[in-house]
């Protein structure tokens, strides 16, 4: 059965983590609207997995390739290769390209919706303490579940078993790919809408500002020098 969205106000992300508790809360609330079409069909239109972002060792594109191949699912890699990461791409990633693995290269904002919305899953097998992971939010906004390693912000962004699967090994990731259709794509979109929309952003900012204002009101003014 095809599920359609009634309306869309897609919001995607913004800032890196900083030191204080209040700064981290402000960061979580900080989102940038990029837009998504209304009434989008949530059904995946093609049988492929996707990894997206930047080619670098900590993003582990080699791991994504192995997972997809073991799971028998074609993989498309939509990623930019910076000059500093070119040697790693040539030595580690390029030799793994071939049947079933397509390197698309960097794509524009307008193409992200099509790539993410058509994919059965986003693979995010990172190997570093990711401070946010914008691509996970973009994927959920397009109703595509995410399979990610439990590093950095992943357990905060994803709800295991609801909008994706959080894994700790390639074996677990392969199994997650095999069972990815058990994840309700409408639930992925709903997860995005409940936590990462413009309305949620505005509400969170207001709550934070009220907290700051209340704290300031109870702080005695310093005596004039």
N, C-alpha and C. Protein backbone atom coordinates (compact mmCIF):
# COMPACT_ATOMS: atom_id res chain seq x y z
N UNK A 1 0.85 -1.20 0.00
CA UNK A 1 0.00 0.00 0.00
C UNK A 1 0.88 1.25 0.00
N UNK A 2 0.46 2.22 -0.80
CA UNK A 2 1.21 3.46 -0.89
C UNK A 2 0.72 4.44 0.17
N UNK A 3 1.63 5.03 0.90
CA UNK A 3 1.30 6.04 1.91
C UNK A 3 1.74 7.40 1.40
N UNK A 4 0.91 8.41 1.58
CA UNK A 4 1.27 9.74 1.12
C UNK A 4 1.24 10.71 2.28
N UNK A 5 2.12 11.68 2.24
CA UNK A 5 2.15 12.73 3.26
C UNK A 5 1.08 13.77 2.95
N UNK A 6 0.40 14.22 3.99
CA UNK A 6 -0.60 15.26 3.81
C UNK A 6 0.04 16.62 3.60
N UNK A 7 1.13 16.90 4.33
CA UNK A 7 1.81 18.18 4.17
C UNK A 7 3.23 18.04 4.66
N UNK A 8 4.06 18.94 4.20
CA UNK A 8 5.47 18.84 4.53
C UNK A 8 6.07 20.21 4.80
N UNK A 9 6.81 20.31 5.88
CA UNK A 9 7.67 21.46 6.15
C UNK A 9 8.98 20.85 6.61
N UNK A 10 9.86 20.56 5.69
CA UNK A 10 11.07 19.85 6.06
C UNK A 10 12.10 20.80 6.60
N UNK A 11 12.72 20.37 7.69
CA UNK A 11 13.72 21.18 8.32
C UNK A 11 14.96 20.35 8.52
N UNK A 12 16.08 20.82 8.12
CA UNK A 12 17.31 20.11 8.32
C UNK A 12 18.36 21.03 8.87
N UNK A 13 19.25 20.61 9.36
CA UNK A 13 20.09 20.95 10.43
C UNK A 13 21.15 21.96 10.33
N UNK A 14 21.82 22.12 11.31
CA UNK A 14 22.67 23.12 11.50
C UNK A 14 23.96 23.22 12.17
N UNK A 15 24.19 22.97 13.37
CA UNK A 15 25.41 23.43 14.04
C UNK A 15 26.12 22.31 14.79
N UNK A 16 27.40 22.51 15.07
CA UNK A 16 28.16 21.52 15.81
C UNK A 16 28.01 21.69 17.30
N UNK A 17 28.34 20.65 18.06
CA UNK A 17 28.20 20.70 19.52
C UNK A 17 29.23 21.65 20.13
N UNK A 18 28.86 22.28 21.22
CA UNK A 18 29.79 23.13 21.96
C UNK A 18 29.82 22.71 23.41
N UNK A 19 30.56 23.45 24.24
CA UNK A 19 30.87 22.96 25.57
C UNK A 19 29.79 22.95 26.62
N UNK A 20 29.07 24.05 26.84
CA UNK A 20 28.18 24.11 27.98
C UNK A 20 26.87 23.38 27.71
N UNK A 21 26.17 23.04 28.79
CA UNK A 21 24.88 22.35 28.66
C UNK A 21 23.90 23.22 27.89
N UNK A 22 23.81 24.51 28.24
CA UNK A 22 22.87 25.39 27.56
C UNK A 22 23.24 25.54 26.09
N UNK A 23 24.52 25.63 25.79
CA UNK A 23 24.94 25.74 24.39
C UNK A 23 24.56 24.49 23.60
N UNK A 24 24.67 23.33 24.25
CA UNK A 24 24.29 22.09 23.56
C UNK A 24 22.79 22.08 23.29
N UNK A 25 21.99 22.59 24.23
CA UNK A 25 20.55 22.62 24.02
C UNK A 25 20.19 23.58 22.88
N UNK A 26 20.88 24.72 22.83
CA UNK A 26 20.65 25.65 21.74
C UNK A 26 21.03 25.02 20.41
N UNK A 27 22.11 24.26 20.41
CA UNK A 27 22.57 23.60 19.20
C UNK A 27 21.55 22.59 18.70
N UNK A 28 20.99 21.81 19.62
CA UNK A 28 19.99 20.82 19.23
C UNK A 28 18.78 21.49 18.59
N UNK A 29 18.47 22.70 19.04
CA UNK A 29 17.30 23.40 18.52
C UNK A 29 17.59 24.10 17.21
N UNK A 30 18.88 24.23 16.83
CA UNK A 30 19.25 25.04 15.68
C UNK A 30 19.12 24.29 14.37
N UNK A 31 18.11 24.61 13.57
CA UNK A 31 17.85 23.92 12.33
C UNK A 31 17.69 24.92 11.20
N UNK A 32 17.94 24.47 9.99
CA UNK A 32 17.81 25.32 8.83
C UNK A 32 16.83 24.69 7.85
N UNK A 33 15.84 25.44 7.40
CA UNK A 33 14.84 24.89 6.50
C UNK A 33 15.42 24.74 5.10
N UNK A 34 15.23 23.56 4.49
CA UNK A 34 15.65 23.37 3.11
C UNK A 34 14.49 22.99 2.21
N UNK A 35 13.38 22.53 2.76
CA UNK A 35 12.20 22.27 1.97
C UNK A 35 12.07 20.85 1.46
N UNK A 36 10.84 20.39 1.34
CA UNK A 36 10.54 19.07 0.81
C UNK A 36 9.16 19.15 0.17
N UNK A 37 8.95 18.42 -0.88
CA UNK A 37 7.69 18.50 -1.61
C UNK A 37 6.51 18.01 -0.77
N UNK A 38 5.35 18.60 -1.00
CA UNK A 38 4.14 18.15 -0.33
C UNK A 38 3.60 16.89 -1.00
N UNK A 39 2.98 16.03 -0.20
CA UNK A 39 2.33 14.85 -0.74
C UNK A 39 3.27 13.81 -1.32
N UNK A 40 4.50 13.75 -0.83
CA UNK A 40 5.45 12.78 -1.38
C UNK A 40 5.05 11.35 -1.07
N UNK A 41 5.23 10.48 -2.04
CA UNK A 41 5.00 9.05 -1.88
C UNK A 41 6.11 8.48 -1.00
N UNK A 42 5.74 7.74 0.05
CA UNK A 42 6.73 7.20 0.97
C UNK A 42 7.29 5.85 0.54
N UNK A 43 6.75 5.27 -0.51
CA UNK A 43 7.20 3.95 -0.94
C UNK A 43 8.55 4.05 -1.64
N UNK A 44 9.56 3.23 -1.25
CA UNK A 44 10.84 3.26 -1.97
C UNK A 44 10.63 2.83 -3.42
N UNK A 45 11.23 3.54 -4.35
CA UNK A 45 10.97 3.28 -5.77
C UNK A 45 12.04 2.42 -6.41
N UNK A 46 13.15 2.24 -5.73
CA UNK A 46 14.22 1.42 -6.30
C UNK A 46 14.84 0.56 -5.21
N UNK A 47 15.47 -0.51 -5.64
CA UNK A 47 16.04 -1.47 -4.70
C UNK A 47 17.53 -1.21 -4.54
N UNK A 48 17.86 -0.21 -3.73
CA UNK A 48 19.27 0.07 -3.46
C UNK A 48 19.43 0.71 -2.09
N UNK A 49 20.61 0.56 -1.54
CA UNK A 49 20.99 1.28 -0.32
C UNK A 49 21.83 2.47 -0.73
N UNK A 50 21.90 3.44 0.15
CA UNK A 50 22.61 4.68 -0.16
C UNK A 50 23.53 5.05 0.99
N UNK A 51 24.71 5.54 0.66
CA UNK A 51 25.54 6.21 1.65
C UNK A 51 25.88 7.58 1.07
N UNK A 52 25.84 8.59 1.92
CA UNK A 52 25.92 9.97 1.43
C UNK A 52 26.74 10.83 2.37
N UNK A 53 27.42 11.79 1.83
CA UNK A 53 28.18 12.72 2.66
C UNK A 53 29.54 13.05 2.08
N UNK A 54 30.57 12.68 2.82
CA UNK A 54 31.94 12.96 2.40
C UNK A 54 32.77 11.69 2.52
N UNK A 55 33.60 11.44 1.53
CA UNK A 55 34.48 10.27 1.58
C UNK A 55 35.68 10.59 2.47
N UNK A 56 35.76 9.90 3.59
CA UNK A 56 36.89 10.04 4.50
C UNK A 56 36.94 8.79 5.37
N UNK A 57 38.09 8.48 5.95
CA UNK A 57 38.23 7.23 6.70
C UNK A 57 37.21 7.04 7.81
N UNK A 58 36.88 8.12 8.55
CA UNK A 58 35.97 7.97 9.69
C UNK A 58 34.52 7.72 9.28
N UNK A 59 34.18 8.02 8.02
CA UNK A 59 32.82 7.75 7.54
C UNK A 59 32.66 6.29 7.11
N UNK A 60 33.77 5.61 6.90
CA UNK A 60 33.83 4.18 6.58
C UNK A 60 32.99 3.76 5.36
N UNK A 61 33.25 4.37 4.21
CA UNK A 61 32.56 3.90 3.00
C UNK A 61 32.92 2.46 2.66
N UNK A 62 34.13 2.03 3.02
CA UNK A 62 34.53 0.63 2.78
C UNK A 62 33.62 -0.32 3.55
N UNK A 63 33.27 0.06 4.75
CA UNK A 63 32.37 -0.76 5.58
C UNK A 63 30.98 -0.80 4.96
N UNK A 64 30.50 0.34 4.45
CA UNK A 64 29.19 0.38 3.79
C UNK A 64 29.15 -0.55 2.59
N UNK A 65 30.24 -0.56 1.82
CA UNK A 65 30.31 -1.43 0.64
C UNK A 65 30.25 -2.89 1.05
N UNK A 66 31.01 -3.26 2.07
CA UNK A 66 31.00 -4.66 2.50
C UNK A 66 29.61 -5.07 3.01
N UNK A 67 28.98 -4.19 3.76
CA UNK A 67 27.65 -4.49 4.31
C UNK A 67 26.65 -4.71 3.17
N UNK A 68 26.63 -3.79 2.20
CA UNK A 68 25.69 -3.89 1.09
C UNK A 68 25.94 -5.16 0.26
N UNK A 69 27.20 -5.45 0.00
CA UNK A 69 27.51 -6.64 -0.80
C UNK A 69 27.10 -7.91 -0.08
N UNK A 70 27.39 -8.00 1.20
CA UNK A 70 27.01 -9.18 1.97
C UNK A 70 25.49 -9.33 2.04
N UNK A 71 24.79 -8.20 2.07
CA UNK A 71 23.33 -8.23 2.14
C UNK A 71 22.69 -8.44 0.77
N UNK A 72 23.48 -8.36 -0.28
CA UNK A 72 22.94 -8.54 -1.63
C UNK A 72 22.13 -7.37 -2.12
N UNK A 73 22.43 -6.17 -1.61
CA UNK A 73 21.68 -4.97 -1.99
C UNK A 73 22.62 -4.00 -2.71
N UNK A 74 22.27 -3.56 -3.91
CA UNK A 74 23.11 -2.58 -4.60
C UNK A 74 23.31 -1.33 -3.76
N UNK A 75 24.48 -0.72 -3.88
CA UNK A 75 24.82 0.47 -3.10
C UNK A 75 25.19 1.61 -4.03
N UNK A 76 24.66 2.78 -3.72
CA UNK A 76 25.06 4.00 -4.41
C UNK A 76 25.75 4.91 -3.40
N UNK A 77 26.90 5.43 -3.79
CA UNK A 77 27.67 6.31 -2.92
C UNK A 77 27.62 7.72 -3.49
N UNK A 78 26.88 8.59 -2.81
CA UNK A 78 26.77 9.98 -3.23
C UNK A 78 27.60 10.81 -2.27
N UNK A 79 28.83 11.08 -2.63
CA UNK A 79 29.75 11.70 -1.68
C UNK A 79 30.81 12.52 -2.39
N UNK A 80 31.28 13.51 -1.66
CA UNK A 80 32.36 14.36 -2.15
C UNK A 80 33.69 13.83 -1.66
N UNK A 81 34.70 13.91 -2.53
CA UNK A 81 36.05 13.51 -2.14
C UNK A 81 36.91 14.77 -2.06
N UNK A 82 37.24 15.17 -0.84
CA UNK A 82 38.12 16.32 -0.67
C UNK A 82 39.55 15.93 -1.07
N UNK A 83 40.35 16.95 -1.38
CA UNK A 83 41.72 16.69 -1.81
C UNK A 83 42.50 15.91 -0.76
N UNK A 84 42.27 16.24 0.52
CA UNK A 84 43.00 15.58 1.60
C UNK A 84 42.63 14.10 1.71
N UNK A 85 41.42 13.76 1.24
CA UNK A 85 40.95 12.37 1.34
C UNK A 85 41.13 11.58 0.05
N UNK A 86 41.67 12.21 -0.98
CA UNK A 86 41.84 11.54 -2.26
C UNK A 86 42.71 10.29 -2.16
N UNK A 87 43.85 10.35 -1.44
CA UNK A 87 44.67 9.13 -1.33
C UNK A 87 43.92 7.96 -0.71
N UNK A 88 43.12 8.22 0.32
CA UNK A 88 42.35 7.14 0.94
C UNK A 88 41.31 6.60 -0.02
N UNK A 89 40.67 7.49 -0.79
CA UNK A 89 39.69 7.04 -1.77
C UNK A 89 40.34 6.13 -2.80
N UNK A 90 41.50 6.55 -3.30
CA UNK A 90 42.19 5.76 -4.33
C UNK A 90 42.65 4.40 -3.79
N UNK A 91 43.13 4.38 -2.55
CA UNK A 91 43.71 3.16 -2.00
C UNK A 91 42.68 2.20 -1.41
N UNK A 92 41.61 2.77 -0.82
CA UNK A 92 40.68 1.92 -0.06
C UNK A 92 39.33 1.76 -0.75
N UNK A 93 38.76 2.86 -1.22
CA UNK A 93 37.39 2.81 -1.75
C UNK A 93 37.33 2.41 -3.21
N UNK A 94 38.14 3.04 -4.04
CA UNK A 94 38.07 2.80 -5.48
C UNK A 94 38.24 1.33 -5.86
N UNK A 95 39.16 0.59 -5.22
CA UNK A 95 39.29 -0.83 -5.56
C UNK A 95 38.05 -1.66 -5.25
N UNK A 96 37.17 -1.15 -4.38
CA UNK A 96 35.97 -1.89 -4.01
C UNK A 96 34.79 -1.58 -4.92
N UNK A 97 34.92 -0.57 -5.78
CA UNK A 97 33.84 -0.23 -6.70
C UNK A 97 33.73 -1.30 -7.78
N UNK A 98 32.54 -1.40 -8.32
CA UNK A 98 32.33 -2.43 -9.35
C UNK A 98 30.88 -2.85 -9.37
N UNK A 99 30.60 -4.06 -9.84
CA UNK A 99 29.22 -4.52 -9.91
C UNK A 99 28.50 -4.39 -8.57
N UNK A 100 27.36 -3.73 -8.61
CA UNK A 100 26.57 -3.57 -7.39
C UNK A 100 26.95 -2.38 -6.54
N UNK A 101 28.04 -1.69 -6.88
CA UNK A 101 28.47 -0.52 -6.11
C UNK A 101 28.76 0.62 -7.09
N UNK A 102 27.97 1.66 -7.02
CA UNK A 102 28.10 2.80 -7.93
C UNK A 102 28.53 4.04 -7.16
N UNK A 103 29.63 4.66 -7.61
CA UNK A 103 30.07 5.92 -7.03
C UNK A 103 29.48 7.05 -7.84
N UNK A 104 28.52 7.75 -7.24
CA UNK A 104 27.81 8.82 -7.94
C UNK A 104 28.57 10.14 -7.86
N UNK A 105 29.30 10.34 -6.78
CA UNK A 105 29.99 11.59 -6.55
C UNK A 105 29.12 12.55 -5.77
N UNK A 106 29.55 13.79 -5.68
CA UNK A 106 28.80 14.79 -4.92
C UNK A 106 27.52 15.15 -5.65
N UNK A 107 26.43 15.29 -4.90
CA UNK A 107 25.16 15.68 -5.49
C UNK A 107 24.66 16.97 -4.85
N UNK A 108 23.81 17.69 -5.55
CA UNK A 108 23.29 18.95 -5.05
C UNK A 108 22.10 18.75 -4.13
N UNK A 109 21.67 19.83 -3.50
CA UNK A 109 20.56 19.77 -2.57
C UNK A 109 19.29 19.28 -3.24
N UNK A 110 19.07 19.67 -4.47
CA UNK A 110 17.84 19.28 -5.17
C UNK A 110 17.80 17.78 -5.46
N UNK A 111 18.97 17.16 -5.56
CA UNK A 111 19.02 15.73 -5.87
C UNK A 111 18.91 14.85 -4.64
N UNK A 112 19.14 15.44 -3.46
CA UNK A 112 19.14 14.63 -2.24
C UNK A 112 17.80 13.97 -1.99
N UNK A 113 16.72 14.71 -2.19
CA UNK A 113 15.40 14.16 -1.93
C UNK A 113 15.14 12.93 -2.79
N UNK A 114 15.50 13.02 -4.07
CA UNK A 114 15.26 11.90 -4.97
C UNK A 114 16.09 10.68 -4.56
N UNK A 115 17.37 10.90 -4.28
CA UNK A 115 18.23 9.78 -3.88
C UNK A 115 17.75 9.15 -2.59
N UNK A 116 17.51 9.97 -1.58
CA UNK A 116 17.10 9.44 -0.29
C UNK A 116 15.71 8.83 -0.34
N UNK A 117 14.78 9.52 -1.01
CA UNK A 117 13.42 9.03 -1.07
C UNK A 117 13.26 7.74 -1.85
N UNK A 118 14.15 7.51 -2.81
CA UNK A 118 14.05 6.30 -3.63
C UNK A 118 14.75 5.10 -2.98
N UNK A 119 15.64 5.35 -2.04
CA UNK A 119 16.44 4.26 -1.46
C UNK A 119 15.64 3.46 -0.44
N UNK A 120 16.03 2.20 -0.29
CA UNK A 120 15.41 1.37 0.75
C UNK A 120 15.99 1.69 2.11
N UNK A 121 17.25 2.13 2.15
CA UNK A 121 17.88 2.44 3.43
C UNK A 121 19.10 3.31 3.21
N UNK A 122 19.41 4.11 4.22
CA UNK A 122 20.67 4.85 4.27
C UNK A 122 21.63 4.09 5.17
N UNK A 123 22.83 3.83 4.68
CA UNK A 123 23.87 3.19 5.50
C UNK A 123 24.77 4.29 6.06
N UNK A 124 24.95 4.26 7.38
CA UNK A 124 25.74 5.28 8.08
C UNK A 124 26.68 4.58 9.05
N UNK A 125 27.65 3.81 8.52
CA UNK A 125 28.51 2.98 9.37
C UNK A 125 29.75 3.71 9.86
N UNK A 126 29.56 4.82 10.52
CA UNK A 126 30.66 5.70 10.91
C UNK A 126 31.56 5.06 11.96
N UNK A 127 32.76 5.62 12.07
CA UNK A 127 33.76 5.09 12.99
C UNK A 127 34.40 6.23 13.79
N UNK A 128 33.55 7.18 14.20
CA UNK A 128 34.05 8.32 14.98
C UNK A 128 32.88 8.93 15.75
N UNK A 129 33.13 9.77 16.75
CA UNK A 129 32.05 10.36 17.55
C UNK A 129 31.33 11.48 16.81
N UNK A 130 30.51 11.12 15.86
CA UNK A 130 29.76 12.08 15.03
C UNK A 130 29.00 13.08 15.91
N UNK A 131 29.24 14.39 15.74
CA UNK A 131 28.57 15.37 16.60
C UNK A 131 27.09 15.56 16.29
N UNK A 132 26.67 15.30 15.06
CA UNK A 132 25.24 15.38 14.75
C UNK A 132 24.84 14.35 13.69
N UNK A 133 25.29 14.52 12.47
CA UNK A 133 24.92 13.60 11.40
C UNK A 133 23.71 14.10 10.63
N UNK A 134 23.88 15.22 9.93
CA UNK A 134 22.80 15.83 9.17
C UNK A 134 22.12 14.85 8.23
N UNK A 135 22.91 13.99 7.60
CA UNK A 135 22.34 13.09 6.60
C UNK A 135 21.29 12.15 7.21
N UNK A 136 21.43 11.81 8.50
CA UNK A 136 20.41 10.98 9.13
C UNK A 136 19.07 11.71 9.17
N UNK A 137 19.10 13.01 9.50
CA UNK A 137 17.88 13.80 9.56
C UNK A 137 17.27 13.95 8.18
N UNK A 138 18.11 14.19 7.19
CA UNK A 138 17.63 14.29 5.82
C UNK A 138 16.97 12.99 5.38
N UNK A 139 17.55 11.88 5.76
CA UNK A 139 16.99 10.59 5.40
C UNK A 139 15.61 10.39 6.03
N UNK A 140 15.50 10.69 7.32
CA UNK A 140 14.20 10.55 7.99
C UNK A 140 13.17 11.48 7.39
N UNK A 141 13.59 12.69 6.99
CA UNK A 141 12.68 13.64 6.36
C UNK A 141 12.13 13.09 5.05
N UNK A 142 12.89 12.23 4.40
CA UNK A 142 12.46 11.60 3.16
C UNK A 142 11.86 10.22 3.40
N UNK A 143 11.59 9.90 4.68
CA UNK A 143 10.94 8.65 5.07
C UNK A 143 11.78 7.41 4.79
N UNK A 144 13.09 7.57 4.77
CA UNK A 144 13.98 6.45 4.52
C UNK A 144 14.70 6.06 5.80
N UNK A 145 14.56 4.78 6.23
CA UNK A 145 15.20 4.35 7.48
C UNK A 145 16.71 4.36 7.38
N UNK A 146 17.35 4.48 8.54
CA UNK A 146 18.80 4.58 8.63
C UNK A 146 19.36 3.38 9.39
N UNK A 147 20.44 2.83 8.87
CA UNK A 147 21.19 1.79 9.58
C UNK A 147 22.53 2.40 9.93
N UNK A 148 22.79 2.56 11.23
CA UNK A 148 23.97 3.31 11.66
C UNK A 148 24.66 2.63 12.83
N UNK A 149 25.95 2.86 12.91
CA UNK A 149 26.74 2.38 14.04
C UNK A 149 26.51 3.30 15.24
N UNK A 150 26.56 2.73 16.42
CA UNK A 150 26.26 3.47 17.66
C UNK A 150 27.44 4.34 18.08
N UNK A 151 27.73 5.36 17.29
CA UNK A 151 28.82 6.28 17.58
C UNK A 151 28.28 7.70 17.71
N UNK A 152 28.87 8.48 18.62
CA UNK A 152 28.52 9.88 18.74
C UNK A 152 27.04 10.11 18.95
N UNK A 153 26.44 10.93 18.10
CA UNK A 153 25.05 11.36 18.26
C UNK A 153 24.02 10.34 17.79
N UNK A 154 24.47 9.26 17.17
CA UNK A 154 23.53 8.31 16.57
C UNK A 154 22.42 7.86 17.52
N UNK A 155 22.75 7.43 18.76
CA UNK A 155 21.66 7.00 19.65
C UNK A 155 20.70 8.12 20.05
N UNK A 156 21.11 9.38 19.89
CA UNK A 156 20.22 10.49 20.19
C UNK A 156 19.32 10.82 19.01
N UNK A 157 19.82 10.62 17.80
CA UNK A 157 19.06 10.96 16.60
C UNK A 157 18.10 9.84 16.20
N UNK A 158 18.57 8.60 16.25
CA UNK A 158 17.75 7.47 15.82
C UNK A 158 17.05 6.81 16.99
N UNK A 159 15.89 6.23 16.70
CA UNK A 159 15.15 5.41 17.65
C UNK A 159 15.18 3.99 17.12
N UNK A 160 16.01 3.19 17.73
CA UNK A 160 16.26 1.84 17.23
C UNK A 160 14.96 1.06 17.11
N UNK A 161 14.73 0.51 15.91
CA UNK A 161 13.53 -0.27 15.67
C UNK A 161 12.33 0.55 15.25
N UNK A 162 12.44 1.89 15.34
CA UNK A 162 11.34 2.77 14.96
C UNK A 162 11.63 3.48 13.64
N UNK A 163 12.77 4.19 13.57
CA UNK A 163 13.12 4.89 12.34
C UNK A 163 14.44 4.40 11.75
N UNK A 164 14.91 3.28 12.22
CA UNK A 164 16.14 2.69 11.72
C UNK A 164 16.65 1.63 12.66
N UNK A 165 17.89 1.22 12.44
CA UNK A 165 18.51 0.25 13.32
C UNK A 165 19.90 0.74 13.71
N UNK A 166 20.21 0.63 14.99
CA UNK A 166 21.52 0.98 15.51
C UNK A 166 22.29 -0.31 15.73
N UNK A 167 23.46 -0.42 15.13
CA UNK A 167 24.20 -1.68 15.14
C UNK A 167 25.61 -1.48 15.69
N UNK A 168 26.26 -2.60 16.00
CA UNK A 168 27.60 -2.55 16.57
C UNK A 168 28.62 -3.36 15.76
N UNK A 169 28.18 -3.97 14.68
CA UNK A 169 29.09 -4.79 13.87
C UNK A 169 28.55 -4.93 12.46
N UNK A 170 29.41 -5.39 11.55
CA UNK A 170 28.96 -5.61 10.19
C UNK A 170 27.91 -6.72 10.13
N UNK A 171 28.07 -7.74 10.94
CA UNK A 171 27.07 -8.82 10.97
C UNK A 171 25.70 -8.27 11.34
N UNK A 172 25.65 -7.41 12.37
CA UNK A 172 24.38 -6.81 12.76
C UNK A 172 23.83 -5.91 11.66
N UNK A 173 24.70 -5.20 10.99
CA UNK A 173 24.26 -4.31 9.91
C UNK A 173 23.68 -5.11 8.75
N UNK A 174 24.31 -6.22 8.40
CA UNK A 174 23.81 -7.07 7.32
C UNK A 174 22.42 -7.61 7.68
N UNK A 175 22.26 -8.04 8.91
CA UNK A 175 20.97 -8.52 9.35
C UNK A 175 19.93 -7.41 9.33
N UNK A 176 20.35 -6.19 9.71
CA UNK A 176 19.43 -5.05 9.70
C UNK A 176 18.97 -4.73 8.28
N UNK A 177 19.87 -4.84 7.30
CA UNK A 177 19.49 -4.61 5.91
C UNK A 177 18.44 -5.63 5.48
N UNK A 178 18.66 -6.88 5.86
CA UNK A 178 17.72 -7.94 5.48
C UNK A 178 16.32 -7.69 6.03
N UNK A 179 16.24 -7.00 7.17
CA UNK A 179 14.96 -6.78 7.84
C UNK A 179 14.49 -5.33 7.75
N UNK A 180 15.09 -4.56 6.86
CA UNK A 180 14.81 -3.12 6.84
C UNK A 180 13.36 -2.82 6.46
N UNK A 181 12.73 -3.69 5.70
CA UNK A 181 11.35 -3.42 5.29
C UNK A 181 10.37 -3.53 6.46
N UNK A 182 10.84 -4.04 7.60
CA UNK A 182 10.00 -4.08 8.80
C UNK A 182 9.88 -2.70 9.44
N UNK A 183 10.76 -1.79 9.07
CA UNK A 183 10.68 -0.41 9.57
C UNK A 183 9.64 0.35 8.76
N UNK A 184 8.69 0.93 9.44
CA UNK A 184 7.62 1.69 8.79
C UNK A 184 8.15 3.04 8.32
N UNK A 185 8.12 3.27 7.02
CA UNK A 185 8.65 4.52 6.49
C UNK A 185 7.83 5.72 6.96
N UNK A 186 6.55 5.52 7.18
CA UNK A 186 5.74 6.61 7.74
C UNK A 186 6.20 6.96 9.14
N UNK A 187 6.66 5.96 9.89
CA UNK A 187 7.19 6.21 11.24
C UNK A 187 8.50 7.00 11.17
N UNK A 188 9.29 6.76 10.13
CA UNK A 188 10.53 7.54 9.94
C UNK A 188 10.19 9.00 9.73
N UNK A 189 9.23 9.25 8.87
CA UNK A 189 8.82 10.63 8.61
C UNK A 189 8.22 11.26 9.88
N UNK A 190 7.40 10.47 10.60
CA UNK A 190 6.79 10.98 11.82
C UNK A 190 7.85 11.31 12.87
N UNK A 191 8.90 10.51 12.93
CA UNK A 191 9.99 10.78 13.87
C UNK A 191 10.65 12.12 13.55
N UNK A 192 10.85 12.37 12.27
CA UNK A 192 11.41 13.65 11.84
C UNK A 192 10.48 14.80 12.23
N UNK A 193 9.19 14.64 11.93
CA UNK A 193 8.25 15.73 12.18
C UNK A 193 8.11 16.06 13.66
N UNK A 194 8.25 15.04 14.51
CA UNK A 194 8.06 15.28 15.94
C UNK A 194 9.28 15.91 16.59
N UNK A 195 10.45 15.86 15.93
CA UNK A 195 11.67 16.33 16.60
C UNK A 195 12.48 17.34 15.82
N UNK A 196 12.28 17.47 14.51
CA UNK A 196 13.19 18.29 13.72
C UNK A 196 12.50 19.25 12.77
N UNK A 197 11.27 19.64 13.06
CA UNK A 197 10.57 20.59 12.19
C UNK A 197 10.80 22.03 12.64
N UNK A 198 10.36 22.96 11.81
CA UNK A 198 10.48 24.38 12.16
C UNK A 198 9.69 24.69 13.42
N UNK A 199 8.51 24.09 13.53
CA UNK A 199 7.69 24.34 14.71
C UNK A 199 8.38 23.85 15.98
N UNK A 200 8.98 22.66 15.91
CA UNK A 200 9.69 22.13 17.07
C UNK A 200 10.90 23.00 17.38
N UNK A 201 11.60 23.45 16.36
CA UNK A 201 12.76 24.32 16.55
C UNK A 201 12.35 25.59 17.29
N UNK A 202 11.27 26.24 16.82
CA UNK A 202 10.83 27.48 17.43
C UNK A 202 10.40 27.27 18.87
N UNK A 203 9.67 26.19 19.11
CA UNK A 203 9.21 25.89 20.47
C UNK A 203 10.39 25.67 21.41
N UNK A 204 11.40 24.92 20.93
CA UNK A 204 12.58 24.65 21.76
C UNK A 204 13.37 25.92 22.06
N UNK A 205 13.50 26.79 21.05
CA UNK A 205 14.20 28.05 21.26
C UNK A 205 13.49 28.90 22.31
N UNK A 206 12.16 28.98 22.19
CA UNK A 206 11.39 29.78 23.15
C UNK A 206 11.59 29.24 24.57
N UNK A 207 11.55 27.91 24.72
CA UNK A 207 11.73 27.31 26.03
C UNK A 207 13.11 27.62 26.60
N UNK A 208 14.13 27.57 25.74
CA UNK A 208 15.49 27.86 26.18
C UNK A 208 15.64 29.32 26.58
N UNK A 209 15.10 30.22 25.76
CA UNK A 209 15.19 31.64 26.08
C UNK A 209 14.46 31.97 27.38
N UNK A 210 13.33 31.32 27.61
CA UNK A 210 12.60 31.54 28.86
C UNK A 210 13.42 31.07 30.05
N UNK A 211 14.11 29.94 29.89
CA UNK A 211 14.97 29.44 30.95
C UNK A 211 16.10 30.43 31.25
N UNK A 212 16.71 30.95 30.19
CA UNK A 212 17.78 31.93 30.36
C UNK A 212 17.27 33.21 31.02
N UNK A 213 16.09 33.65 30.59
CA UNK A 213 15.52 34.88 31.15
C UNK A 213 15.19 34.70 32.63
N UNK A 214 14.63 33.53 32.98
CA UNK A 214 14.30 33.27 34.37
C UNK A 214 15.55 33.22 35.23
N UNK A 215 16.62 32.59 34.70
CA UNK A 215 17.87 32.51 35.45
C UNK A 215 18.48 33.89 35.64
N UNK A 216 18.38 34.72 34.60
CA UNK A 216 18.94 36.07 34.67
C UNK A 216 18.18 36.92 35.69
N UNK A 217 16.86 36.71 35.76
CA UNK A 217 16.04 37.50 36.69
C UNK A 217 16.37 37.22 38.14
N UNK A 218 16.92 36.03 38.41
CA UNK A 218 17.25 35.65 39.77
C UNK A 218 18.73 35.83 40.11
N UNK A 219 19.47 36.44 39.18
CA UNK A 219 20.90 36.68 39.40
C UNK A 219 21.11 38.11 39.85
N UNK A 220 21.64 38.36 41.04
CA UNK A 220 21.83 39.74 41.53
C UNK A 220 22.75 40.52 40.61
N UNK A 221 22.43 41.78 40.40
CA UNK A 221 23.27 42.65 39.60
C UNK A 221 24.57 42.93 40.36
N UNK A 222 25.69 42.93 39.67
CA UNK A 222 26.96 43.24 40.30
C UNK A 222 27.00 44.72 40.70
N UNK A 223 27.53 44.97 41.82
CA UNK A 223 27.65 46.36 42.29
C UNK A 223 28.51 47.15 41.33
N UNK A 224 28.11 48.38 41.09
CA UNK A 224 28.90 49.22 40.20
C UNK A 224 30.28 49.46 40.78
N UNK A 225 31.27 49.45 39.93
CA UNK A 225 32.64 49.64 40.40
C UNK A 225 32.82 51.06 40.88
